[in-house]
Amino acid sequence: MFHQWTDPPDEPTTSLLAQIPTGPIDHDPIIGGTYVARGERLRLLLEALDDVELGAYDHRLLEHYAHVWDTSTVLTIASWIRRARLAGEPDPYRERVAGEGGR
């Protein structure tokens, strides 16, 4: 049985955003076996990328992956982004690429 994709909700589900793991993940991070609709998976990724300047292609890929990735994968990727932000360490790769004019 296939799930009908729905439009994103007006507001992200706060309880899901609050449950993005902020530490190492040792098991499937699915929240209570809950299916999260594509629109909410997209909002989870966008929330993790808050304050990151995104272009049209970035948005296109985010929409694609929100469609094809399952909830566990989205939560894991969002967790990696969130933990990288929390680490607050300079990224030498980003500084090198920025010096080369970006990619």
N, C-alpha and C. Protein backbone atom coordinates (compact mmCIF):
# COMPACT_ATOMS: atom_id res chain seq x y z
N MET A 1 0.84 -1.18 0.00
CA MET A 1 0.00 0.00 0.00
C MET A 1 0.89 1.24 0.00
N PHE A 2 0.59 2.20 -0.86
CA PHE A 2 1.37 3.41 -0.96
C PHE A 2 0.68 4.54 -0.20
N HIS A 3 1.51 5.40 0.40
CA HIS A 3 0.99 6.55 1.12
C HIS A 3 0.85 7.71 0.15
N GLN A 4 -0.24 8.40 0.19
CA GLN A 4 -0.44 9.59 -0.63
C GLN A 4 0.39 10.72 -0.05
N TRP A 5 1.28 11.31 -0.87
CA TRP A 5 2.10 12.42 -0.40
C TRP A 5 1.21 13.61 -0.11
N THR A 6 1.55 14.33 0.94
CA THR A 6 0.74 15.49 1.33
C THR A 6 1.58 16.75 1.23
N ASP A 7 0.92 17.88 1.15
CA ASP A 7 1.63 19.15 1.18
C ASP A 7 2.19 19.38 2.56
N PRO A 8 3.27 20.20 2.65
CA PRO A 8 3.84 20.49 3.96
C PRO A 8 2.83 21.18 4.85
N PRO A 9 2.86 20.89 6.14
CA PRO A 9 1.97 21.60 7.06
C PRO A 9 2.41 23.05 7.18
N ASP A 10 1.52 23.91 7.69
CA ASP A 10 1.87 25.32 7.86
C ASP A 10 3.03 25.51 8.83
N GLU A 11 3.07 24.73 9.86
CA GLU A 11 4.13 24.82 10.86
C GLU A 11 4.75 23.44 11.07
N PRO A 12 6.07 23.38 11.32
CA PRO A 12 6.67 22.08 11.60
C PRO A 12 6.14 21.51 12.90
N THR A 13 6.18 20.19 13.00
CA THR A 13 5.74 19.53 14.22
C THR A 13 6.83 19.72 15.27
N THR A 14 6.57 20.58 16.24
CA THR A 14 7.56 20.93 17.24
C THR A 14 8.12 19.71 17.94
N SER A 15 7.26 18.73 18.26
CA SER A 15 7.73 17.56 18.99
C SER A 15 8.77 16.79 18.18
N LEU A 16 8.66 16.76 16.85
CA LEU A 16 9.66 16.09 16.03
C LEU A 16 10.96 16.89 16.00
N LEU A 17 10.87 18.19 15.81
CA LEU A 17 12.07 19.02 15.76
C LEU A 17 12.85 18.93 17.07
N ALA A 18 12.14 18.89 18.17
CA ALA A 18 12.79 18.79 19.47
C ALA A 18 13.45 17.44 19.67
N GLN A 19 13.04 16.44 18.88
CA GLN A 19 13.58 15.10 19.06
C GLN A 19 14.67 14.74 18.06
N ILE A 20 15.18 15.72 17.31
CA ILE A 20 16.33 15.44 16.46
C ILE A 20 17.49 15.12 17.40
N PRO A 21 18.09 13.95 17.28
CA PRO A 21 19.17 13.57 18.20
C PRO A 21 20.33 14.56 18.18
N THR A 22 20.88 14.85 19.34
CA THR A 22 22.02 15.76 19.45
C THR A 22 23.28 15.02 19.90
N GLY A 23 23.21 13.70 19.93
CA GLY A 23 24.36 12.88 20.29
C GLY A 23 24.46 11.70 19.36
N PRO A 24 25.47 10.87 19.56
CA PRO A 24 25.65 9.70 18.70
C PRO A 24 24.39 8.83 18.65
N ILE A 25 24.13 8.28 17.48
CA ILE A 25 22.93 7.46 17.28
C ILE A 25 23.38 6.00 17.19
N ASP A 26 22.85 5.18 18.08
CA ASP A 26 23.22 3.77 18.12
C ASP A 26 22.11 2.85 17.62
N HIS A 27 20.94 3.41 17.30
CA HIS A 27 19.83 2.60 16.81
C HIS A 27 18.95 3.48 15.93
N ASP A 28 18.02 2.86 15.25
CA ASP A 28 17.11 3.56 14.36
C ASP A 28 16.42 4.70 15.12
N PRO A 29 16.59 5.96 14.68
CA PRO A 29 16.02 7.08 15.42
C PRO A 29 14.55 7.36 15.15
N ILE A 30 13.84 6.45 14.51
CA ILE A 30 12.42 6.67 14.24
C ILE A 30 11.71 6.96 15.55
N ILE A 31 10.80 7.89 15.52
CA ILE A 31 10.12 8.34 16.74
C ILE A 31 8.83 7.56 16.91
N GLY A 32 8.85 6.60 17.80
CA GLY A 32 7.65 5.84 18.12
C GLY A 32 7.00 5.15 16.94
N GLY A 33 7.79 4.80 15.91
CA GLY A 33 7.23 4.13 14.75
C GLY A 33 6.36 5.05 13.91
N THR A 34 6.46 6.35 14.13
CA THR A 34 5.61 7.32 13.44
C THR A 34 6.09 7.56 12.02
N TYR A 35 5.17 7.49 11.08
CA TYR A 35 5.46 7.90 9.71
C TYR A 35 5.41 9.42 9.66
N VAL A 36 6.42 10.02 9.08
CA VAL A 36 6.45 11.47 8.94
C VAL A 36 6.29 11.79 7.46
N ALA A 37 5.30 12.57 7.13
CA ALA A 37 5.00 12.92 5.74
C ALA A 37 6.16 13.68 5.12
N ARG A 38 6.25 13.61 3.80
CA ARG A 38 7.33 14.25 3.04
C ARG A 38 7.49 15.71 3.42
N GLY A 39 6.40 16.44 3.56
CA GLY A 39 6.49 17.86 3.89
C GLY A 39 7.17 18.09 5.23
N GLU A 40 6.90 17.23 6.18
CA GLU A 40 7.54 17.38 7.49
C GLU A 40 8.99 16.93 7.44
N ARG A 41 9.30 15.92 6.62
CA ARG A 41 10.70 15.52 6.46
C ARG A 41 11.49 16.67 5.84
N LEU A 42 10.90 17.36 4.87
CA LEU A 42 11.55 18.52 4.27
C LEU A 42 11.76 19.61 5.32
N ARG A 43 10.76 19.86 6.15
CA ARG A 43 10.89 20.88 7.20
C ARG A 43 11.96 20.51 8.22
N LEU A 44 12.10 19.22 8.52
CA LEU A 44 13.17 18.80 9.45
C LEU A 44 14.54 19.14 8.86
N LEU A 45 14.73 18.85 7.57
CA LEU A 45 16.00 19.17 6.93
C LEU A 45 16.23 20.67 6.88
N LEU A 46 15.20 21.42 6.51
CA LEU A 46 15.34 22.87 6.45
C LEU A 46 15.61 23.48 7.82
N GLU A 47 14.98 22.93 8.85
CA GLU A 47 15.22 23.41 10.22
C GLU A 47 16.67 23.17 10.61
N ALA A 48 17.19 22.00 10.26
CA ALA A 48 18.59 21.69 10.58
C ALA A 48 19.54 22.64 9.83
N LEU A 49 19.12 23.08 8.66
CA LEU A 49 19.94 23.97 7.83
C LEU A 49 19.61 25.44 8.03
N ASP A 50 18.87 25.76 9.07
CA ASP A 50 18.49 27.15 9.36
C ASP A 50 19.74 28.03 9.34
N ASP A 51 19.64 29.19 8.74
CA ASP A 51 20.72 30.18 8.61
C ASP A 51 21.79 29.77 7.60
N VAL A 52 21.59 28.68 6.87
CA VAL A 52 22.51 28.30 5.80
C VAL A 52 21.91 28.81 4.50
N GLU A 53 22.66 29.60 3.75
CA GLU A 53 22.16 30.12 2.49
C GLU A 53 22.04 28.98 1.48
N LEU A 54 20.85 28.82 0.93
CA LEU A 54 20.57 27.73 -0.01
C LEU A 54 20.15 28.30 -1.36
N GLY A 55 20.65 27.68 -2.42
CA GLY A 55 20.27 28.07 -3.76
C GLY A 55 19.14 27.20 -4.29
N ALA A 56 18.74 27.47 -5.51
CA ALA A 56 17.62 26.73 -6.12
C ALA A 56 17.95 25.24 -6.23
N TYR A 57 19.19 24.92 -6.61
CA TYR A 57 19.56 23.51 -6.73
C TYR A 57 19.58 22.83 -5.36
N ASP A 58 20.05 23.56 -4.34
CA ASP A 58 20.01 23.02 -2.98
C ASP A 58 18.59 22.64 -2.60
N HIS A 59 17.66 23.55 -2.85
CA HIS A 59 16.25 23.29 -2.52
C HIS A 59 15.70 22.12 -3.31
N ARG A 60 16.08 22.03 -4.58
CA ARG A 60 15.61 20.93 -5.42
C ARG A 60 16.07 19.58 -4.86
N LEU A 61 17.34 19.52 -4.43
CA LEU A 61 17.84 18.28 -3.86
C LEU A 61 17.19 17.97 -2.51
N LEU A 62 16.98 18.98 -1.68
CA LEU A 62 16.31 18.76 -0.40
C LEU A 62 14.91 18.20 -0.62
N GLU A 63 14.18 18.77 -1.57
CA GLU A 63 12.83 18.27 -1.86
C GLU A 63 12.89 16.84 -2.37
N HIS A 64 13.88 16.54 -3.21
CA HIS A 64 14.02 15.18 -3.73
C HIS A 64 14.29 14.20 -2.59
N TYR A 65 15.28 14.53 -1.75
CA TYR A 65 15.63 13.59 -0.68
C TYR A 65 14.54 13.49 0.38
N ALA A 66 13.81 14.55 0.63
CA ALA A 66 12.68 14.45 1.56
C ALA A 66 11.63 13.49 1.02
N HIS A 67 11.56 13.37 -0.29
CA HIS A 67 10.60 12.47 -0.93
C HIS A 67 11.07 11.02 -0.88
N VAL A 68 12.38 10.78 -1.11
CA VAL A 68 12.86 9.40 -1.23
C VAL A 68 13.43 8.82 0.06
N TRP A 69 13.94 9.66 0.95
CA TRP A 69 14.48 9.14 2.21
C TRP A 69 13.36 8.86 3.19
N ASP A 70 13.54 7.83 4.00
CA ASP A 70 12.57 7.55 5.05
C ASP A 70 12.85 8.45 6.26
N THR A 71 11.95 8.41 7.22
CA THR A 71 12.05 9.27 8.39
C THR A 71 13.35 9.05 9.16
N SER A 72 13.76 7.81 9.33
CA SER A 72 14.99 7.51 10.07
C SER A 72 16.20 8.16 9.42
N THR A 73 16.26 8.09 8.09
CA THR A 73 17.39 8.69 7.38
C THR A 73 17.39 10.20 7.53
N VAL A 74 16.23 10.82 7.39
CA VAL A 74 16.13 12.28 7.53
C VAL A 74 16.53 12.71 8.95
N LEU A 75 16.05 11.98 9.95
CA LEU A 75 16.42 12.32 11.33
C LEU A 75 17.93 12.17 11.56
N THR A 76 18.53 11.15 10.97
CA THR A 76 19.97 10.95 11.12
C THR A 76 20.75 12.07 10.44
N ILE A 77 20.39 12.42 9.22
CA ILE A 77 21.07 13.51 8.51
C ILE A 77 20.88 14.83 9.25
N ALA A 78 19.66 15.11 9.70
CA ALA A 78 19.40 16.34 10.47
C ALA A 78 20.22 16.34 11.75
N SER A 79 20.38 15.19 12.37
CA SER A 79 21.18 15.07 13.58
C SER A 79 22.65 15.38 13.29
N TRP A 80 23.17 14.86 12.18
CA TRP A 80 24.57 15.15 11.82
C TRP A 80 24.77 16.66 11.65
N ILE A 81 23.84 17.30 10.95
CA ILE A 81 23.94 18.75 10.72
C ILE A 81 23.89 19.48 12.05
N ARG A 82 22.93 19.09 12.88
CA ARG A 82 22.76 19.76 14.18
C ARG A 82 23.98 19.57 15.07
N ARG A 83 24.52 18.34 15.11
CA ARG A 83 25.70 18.08 15.94
C ARG A 83 26.92 18.82 15.42
N ALA A 84 27.05 18.94 14.10
CA ALA A 84 28.17 19.70 13.53
C ALA A 84 28.08 21.16 13.95
N ARG A 85 26.87 21.70 13.96
CA ARG A 85 26.68 23.09 14.43
C ARG A 85 27.04 23.22 15.90
N LEU A 86 26.60 22.25 16.70
CA LEU A 86 26.87 22.30 18.13
C LEU A 86 28.36 22.17 18.42
N ALA A 87 29.08 21.45 17.58
CA ALA A 87 30.52 21.29 17.78
C ALA A 87 31.23 22.63 17.65
N GLY A 88 30.72 23.47 16.74
CA GLY A 88 31.23 24.83 16.60
C GLY A 88 32.68 24.94 16.19
N GLU A 89 33.23 23.89 15.65
CA GLU A 89 34.62 23.94 15.25
C GLU A 89 34.72 24.46 13.81
N PRO A 90 35.79 25.23 13.52
CA PRO A 90 35.97 25.71 12.15
C PRO A 90 36.13 24.52 11.20
N ASP A 91 35.65 24.70 10.01
CA ASP A 91 35.71 23.64 9.00
C ASP A 91 36.80 24.01 7.99
N PRO A 92 38.01 23.39 8.09
CA PRO A 92 39.09 23.76 7.18
C PRO A 92 38.75 23.50 5.72
N TYR A 93 37.95 22.46 5.42
CA TYR A 93 37.55 22.19 4.05
C TYR A 93 36.72 23.35 3.50
N ARG A 94 35.75 23.84 4.29
CA ARG A 94 34.91 24.94 3.84
C ARG A 94 35.75 26.19 3.61
N GLU A 95 36.72 26.45 4.49
CA GLU A 95 37.57 27.63 4.33
C GLU A 95 38.43 27.50 3.06
N ARG A 96 38.93 26.30 2.77
CA ARG A 96 39.75 26.08 1.57
C ARG A 96 38.89 26.27 0.32
N VAL A 97 37.70 25.69 0.31
CA VAL A 97 36.82 25.80 -0.86
C VAL A 97 36.39 27.25 -1.06
N ALA A 98 36.07 27.96 0.03
CA ALA A 98 35.68 29.37 -0.08
C ALA A 98 36.83 30.19 -0.69
N GLY A 99 38.05 29.85 -0.33
CA GLY A 99 39.22 30.53 -0.87
C GLY A 99 39.41 30.26 -2.36
N GLU A 100 38.86 29.15 -2.84
CA GLU A 100 38.95 28.79 -4.26
C GLU A 100 37.75 29.28 -5.05
N GLY A 101 36.88 30.04 -4.40
CA GLY A 101 35.72 30.57 -5.09
C GLY A 101 34.49 29.69 -4.99
N GLY A 102 34.49 28.73 -4.06
CA GLY A 102 33.32 27.85 -3.89
C GLY A 102 33.24 26.79 -4.95
N ARG A 103 32.20 26.01 -4.87
CA ARG A 103 32.00 24.92 -5.85
C ARG A 103 30.58 24.91 -6.31
